[in-house]
Amino acid sequence: DQTRIENLILVARDRNGIATITINRPKSLNSLTRPMMVRLAHQINALGKDESVRVIILTGSGRAFCSGVDLTAAEEVFKGDVKDVENNAVAQMELCKKPIIGAINGFAVTAGFEIALACDILIAGKGAKFMDTHS
């Protein structure tokens, strides 16, 4: 199961100090499950502490950046302590001392929009769409 989660949040580094995190669930427009959100938070934390990393690029595969929380897994996502900074990707992004560039392709919706807003710099493709569907 850990390998599956690692394949859904991909991390690549190059020797120039650029780390790229890709949300890799294109069939569901990169919607997030709780394990994906936790891995994303932990990877941002780890890359932020890594001396060899100078910048983090955050993107999504396929035709979306991130469509938000996977509604089929919403109960699992929203249970527990909402102030759990260690497992909260947006909180980890805010704490990260390295610049985070959001490479926004396609949809950035609700939680995906929040993640995009937590980036230091956004670069959006022509087809990028930002939506906040909170009610």
Protein backbone atom coordinates (compact mmCIF):
# COMPACT_ATOMS: atom_id res chain seq x y z
CA ASP A 1 0.00 0.00 0.00
CA GLN A 2 2.94 2.35 0.73
CA THR A 3 4.26 1.84 -2.82
CA ARG A 4 0.83 2.74 -4.19
CA ILE A 5 0.80 6.00 -2.20
CA GLU A 6 4.36 6.76 -3.36
CA ASN A 7 3.16 6.34 -6.96
CA LEU A 8 0.32 8.81 -6.33
CA ILE A 9 2.63 11.53 -4.94
CA LEU A 10 5.79 11.37 -7.03
CA VAL A 11 8.99 13.09 -5.92
CA ALA A 12 11.89 13.73 -8.28
CA ARG A 13 15.10 15.65 -7.67
CA ASP A 14 17.73 16.86 -10.05
CA ARG A 15 21.33 17.72 -9.33
CA ASN A 16 20.64 21.46 -9.71
CA GLY A 17 18.62 21.55 -6.50
CA ILE A 18 15.16 21.39 -8.09
CA ALA A 19 12.68 19.01 -6.48
CA THR A 20 9.41 18.28 -8.26
CA ILE A 21 6.36 16.85 -6.53
CA THR A 22 3.68 15.55 -8.88
CA ILE A 23 0.19 14.62 -7.77
CA ASN A 24 -0.26 11.54 -9.95
CA ARG A 25 -3.86 10.43 -10.04
CA PRO A 26 -4.96 11.75 -13.43
CA LYS A 27 -8.04 9.54 -13.87
CA SER A 28 -9.63 11.26 -10.85
CA LEU A 29 -8.25 14.71 -11.79
CA ASN A 30 -5.67 14.29 -9.01
CA SER A 31 -8.23 14.20 -6.22
CA LEU A 32 -6.63 13.60 -2.83
CA THR A 33 -7.15 10.84 -0.31
CA ARG A 34 -5.97 11.10 3.30
CA PRO A 35 -2.82 9.00 2.71
CA MET A 36 -1.95 11.18 -0.30
CA MET A 37 -2.40 14.36 1.73
CA VAL A 38 -0.20 12.99 4.52
CA ARG A 39 2.52 11.95 2.06
CA LEU A 40 2.37 15.37 0.38
CA ALA A 41 2.81 17.08 3.76
CA HIS A 42 5.70 14.81 4.77
CA GLN A 43 7.48 15.26 1.43
CA ILE A 44 7.22 19.05 1.60
CA ASN A 45 8.61 18.93 5.14
CA ALA A 46 11.50 16.64 4.12
CA LEU A 47 12.39 18.64 1.00
CA GLY A 48 12.24 21.86 2.99
CA LYS A 49 14.87 20.49 5.37
CA ASP A 50 17.08 19.02 2.62
CA GLU A 51 20.16 21.23 2.12
CA SER A 52 20.55 20.08 -1.49
CA VAL A 53 17.08 21.34 -2.47
CA ARG A 54 16.87 24.98 -3.56
CA VAL A 55 13.32 25.09 -4.91
CA ILE A 56 10.23 22.86 -4.96
CA ILE A 57 7.91 22.63 -7.95
CA LEU A 58 4.43 21.29 -7.27
CA THR A 59 2.28 20.09 -10.16
CA GLY A 60 -0.33 17.55 -11.21
CA SER A 61 -0.32 14.93 -13.94
CA GLY A 62 -2.84 14.84 -16.74
CA ARG A 63 -5.44 17.56 -17.26
CA ALA A 64 -5.68 18.84 -13.67
CA PHE A 65 -3.46 20.24 -10.96
CA CYS A 66 -5.75 18.95 -8.20
CA SER A 67 -9.53 18.67 -8.09
CA GLY A 68 -9.56 18.66 -4.29
CA VAL A 69 -10.53 15.94 -1.86
CA ASP A 70 -11.68 12.63 -3.29
CA LEU A 71 -15.31 12.71 -2.22
CA THR A 72 -15.44 8.90 -2.02
CA ALA A 73 -12.81 9.18 0.73
CA ALA A 74 -14.05 12.42 2.32
CA GLU A 75 -15.05 10.85 5.64
CA GLU A 76 -11.49 9.60 6.17
CA VAL A 77 -9.99 12.92 5.06
CA PHE A 78 -12.05 15.08 7.39
CA LYS A 79 -11.92 12.97 10.55
CA GLY A 80 -9.35 13.68 13.21
CA ASP A 81 -7.56 16.79 14.39
CA VAL A 82 -7.84 19.66 11.91
CA LYS A 83 -4.86 21.32 13.60
CA ASP A 84 -2.55 18.40 12.82
CA VAL A 85 0.21 20.56 11.32
CA GLU A 86 2.58 17.63 10.71
CA ASN A 87 0.14 15.94 8.31
CA ASN A 88 -1.33 19.10 6.74
CA ALA A 89 0.17 19.92 3.34
CA VAL A 90 -0.86 23.59 3.37
CA ALA A 91 0.59 24.07 6.87
CA GLN A 92 3.85 22.41 5.78
CA MET A 93 3.98 24.64 2.71
CA GLU A 94 3.57 27.71 4.90
CA LEU A 95 6.37 26.51 7.20
CA CYS A 96 8.72 25.60 4.32
CA LYS A 97 11.67 27.99 3.93
CA LYS A 98 12.27 26.95 0.31
CA PRO A 99 10.33 28.65 -2.49
CA ILE A 100 7.46 26.53 -3.79
CA ILE A 101 6.38 27.05 -7.38
CA GLY A 102 2.93 25.84 -8.33
CA ALA A 103 2.85 24.70 -11.95
CA ILE A 104 -0.90 24.80 -12.50
CA ASN A 105 -2.27 22.80 -15.38
CA GLY A 106 -6.03 22.46 -15.70
CA PHE A 107 -8.24 22.46 -12.62
CA ALA A 108 -7.24 23.67 -9.15
CA VAL A 109 -10.46 23.16 -7.18
CA THR A 110 -11.27 23.61 -3.47
CA ALA A 111 -8.43 21.80 -1.62
CA GLY A 112 -6.42 21.98 -4.85
CA PHE A 113 -7.09 25.73 -4.93
CA GLU A 114 -5.93 26.02 -1.28
CA ILE A 115 -2.73 24.14 -2.13
CA ALA A 116 -2.16 26.42 -5.14
CA LEU A 117 -2.66 29.51 -2.95
CA ALA A 118 -0.08 28.19 -0.47
CA CYS A 119 2.59 28.23 -3.20
CA ASP A 120 4.98 31.18 -3.28
CA ILE A 121 4.78 31.56 -7.06
CA LEU A 122 2.12 30.30 -9.47
CA ILE A 123 2.69 29.60 -13.13
CA ALA A 124 -0.56 28.72 -14.84
CA GLY A 125 -1.13 27.19 -18.25
CA LYS A 126 -3.72 28.70 -20.58
CA GLY A 127 -6.26 26.04 -19.57
CA ALA A 128 -5.83 26.57 -15.82
CA LYS A 129 -9.07 27.04 -13.88
CA PHE A 130 -9.14 28.09 -10.24
CA MET A 131 -12.32 27.37 -8.27
CA ASP A 132 -13.32 27.47 -4.64
CA THR A 133 -16.44 25.37 -4.11
CA HIS A 134 -16.68 25.74 -0.34
CA SER A 135 -20.17 26.65 0.73
